[in-house]
Amino acid sequence: MNDKYMKIIDMEHHTSLKHPRMSMENRAAQFSPFKALTGLDDAIDETAYNSVENVLLSEHNEKFIEAP
């Protein structure tokens, strides 16, 4: 181990007198995924729906129909 950390390695972890410890739920919420791209799921679903619809139409009519 690096010598510069030897003084602090066995020290007790600091506990604030002003701020209470954060609950496990709040700590977990900080690291939970977030939706940075709102609407992306809807766009993917719409594309998938159109793709399936085009395949079904093309099999039925034996002609591929482009999505708008």
C-alpha atoms as a PDB file:
ATOM      1  CA  MET A   1       0.000   0.000   0.000  1.00  0.00           C
ATOM      2  CA  ASN A   2       1.123   3.558  -0.635  1.00  0.00           C
ATOM      3  CA  ASP A   3       2.742   5.219   2.426  1.00  0.00           C
ATOM      4  CA  LYS A   4       0.770   8.461   2.062  1.00  0.00           C
ATOM      5  CA  TYR A   5      -2.458   6.632   3.038  1.00  0.00           C
ATOM      6  CA  MET A   6      -1.086   4.817   6.083  1.00  0.00           C
ATOM      7  CA  LYS A   7      -2.141   7.653   8.436  1.00  0.00           C
ATOM      8  CA  ILE A   8      -5.782   7.532   7.391  1.00  0.00           C
ATOM      9  CA  ILE A   9      -6.337   3.858   6.603  1.00  0.00           C
ATOM     10  CA  ASP A  10      -7.314   2.890  10.158  1.00  0.00           C
ATOM     11  CA  MET A  11      -9.265   6.047  10.988  1.00  0.00           C
ATOM     12  CA  GLU A  12     -12.964   5.804  11.825  1.00  0.00           C
ATOM     13  CA  HIS A  13     -15.338   6.907   9.085  1.00  0.00           C
ATOM     14  CA  HIS A  14     -16.593  10.468   9.596  1.00  0.00           C
ATOM     15  CA  THR A  15     -20.231  10.856  10.660  1.00  0.00           C
ATOM     16  CA  SER A  16     -21.787  14.295  10.328  1.00  0.00           C
ATOM     17  CA  LEU A  17     -23.444  15.854  13.350  1.00  0.00           C
ATOM     18  CA  LYS A  18     -25.517  18.183  11.115  1.00  0.00           C
ATOM     19  CA  HIS A  19     -26.738  15.850   8.405  1.00  0.00           C
ATOM     20  CA  PRO A  20     -28.382  12.500   9.156  1.00  0.00           C
ATOM     21  CA  ARG A  21     -27.316   9.431   7.212  1.00  0.00           C
ATOM     22  CA  MET A  22     -29.141   8.927   3.946  1.00  0.00           C
ATOM     23  CA  SER A  23     -31.551   6.002   3.821  1.00  0.00           C
ATOM     24  CA  MET A  24     -30.714   3.032   1.618  1.00  0.00           C
ATOM     25  CA  GLU A  25     -33.730   3.831  -0.588  1.00  0.00           C
ATOM     26  CA  ASN A  26     -32.519   7.390  -1.211  1.00  0.00           C
ATOM     27  CA  ARG A  27     -28.979   6.194  -1.865  1.00  0.00           C
ATOM     28  CA  ALA A  28     -30.241   3.621  -4.352  1.00  0.00           C
ATOM     29  CA  ALA A  29     -32.392   6.243  -6.092  1.00  0.00           C
ATOM     30  CA  GLN A  30     -29.283   8.267  -6.900  1.00  0.00           C
ATOM     31  CA  PHE A  31     -27.944   5.418  -8.986  1.00  0.00           C
ATOM     32  CA  SER A  32     -31.171   4.210 -10.555  1.00  0.00           C
ATOM     33  CA  PRO A  33     -31.475   4.523 -14.325  1.00  0.00           C
ATOM     34  CA  PHE A  34     -33.217   7.555 -15.723  1.00  0.00           C
ATOM     35  CA  LYS A  35     -34.906   8.243 -19.036  1.00  0.00           C
ATOM     36  CA  ALA A  36     -32.561  10.627 -20.772  1.00  0.00           C
ATOM     37  CA  LEU A  37     -34.293  10.048 -24.091  1.00  0.00           C
ATOM     38  CA  THR A  38     -37.967  10.638 -23.461  1.00  0.00           C
ATOM     39  CA  GLY A  39     -40.126   9.249 -26.226  1.00  0.00           C
ATOM     40  CA  LEU A  40     -37.501   6.780 -27.416  1.00  0.00           C
ATOM     41  CA  ASP A  41     -39.556   3.774 -26.296  1.00  0.00           C
ATOM     42  CA  ASP A  42     -42.578   5.077 -28.193  1.00  0.00           C
ATOM     43  CA  ALA A  43     -40.505   5.630 -31.341  1.00  0.00           C
ATOM     44  CA  ILE A  44     -39.070   2.111 -31.129  1.00  0.00           C
ATOM     45  CA  ASP A  45     -42.522   0.609 -30.589  1.00  0.00           C
ATOM     46  CA  GLU A  46     -43.921   2.554 -33.556  1.00  0.00           C
ATOM     47  CA  THR A  47     -41.077   1.411 -35.800  1.00  0.00           C
ATOM     48  CA  ALA A  48     -41.542  -2.199 -34.710  1.00  0.00           C
ATOM     49  CA  TYR A  49     -45.295  -1.974 -35.307  1.00  0.00           C
ATOM     50  CA  ASN A  50     -44.796  -0.510 -38.787  1.00  0.00           C
ATOM     51  CA  SER A  51     -42.198  -3.170 -39.631  1.00  0.00           C
ATOM     52  CA  VAL A  52     -44.493  -6.018 -38.587  1.00  0.00           C
ATOM     53  CA  GLU A  53     -47.421  -4.435 -40.398  1.00  0.00           C
ATOM     54  CA  ASN A  54     -45.352  -4.104 -43.598  1.00  0.00           C
ATOM     55  CA  VAL A  55     -44.242  -7.722 -43.421  1.00  0.00           C
ATOM     56  CA  LEU A  56     -47.806  -8.915 -42.876  1.00  0.00           C
ATOM     57  CA  LEU A  57     -49.082  -6.761 -45.744  1.00  0.00           C
ATOM     58  CA  SER A  58     -46.284  -7.868 -48.038  1.00  0.00           C
ATOM     59  CA  GLU A  59     -46.955 -11.545 -47.289  1.00  0.00           C
ATOM     60  CA  HIS A  60     -50.675 -11.061 -47.809  1.00  0.00           C
ATOM     61  CA  ASN A  61     -50.410  -9.024 -51.008  1.00  0.00           C
ATOM     62  CA  GLU A  62     -47.058 -10.439 -52.096  1.00  0.00           C
ATOM     63  CA  LYS A  63     -45.892  -6.888 -52.493  1.00  0.00           C
ATOM     64  CA  PHE A  64     -43.795  -4.901 -50.018  1.00  0.00           C
ATOM     65  CA  ILE A  65     -45.380  -1.626 -48.957  1.00  0.00           C
ATOM     66  CA  GLU A  66     -43.023   1.085 -47.677  1.00  0.00           C
ATOM     67  CA  ALA A  67     -43.885   2.788 -44.401  1.00  0.00           C
ATOM     68  CA  PRO A  68     -44.529   6.539 -44.679  1.00  0.00           C
END
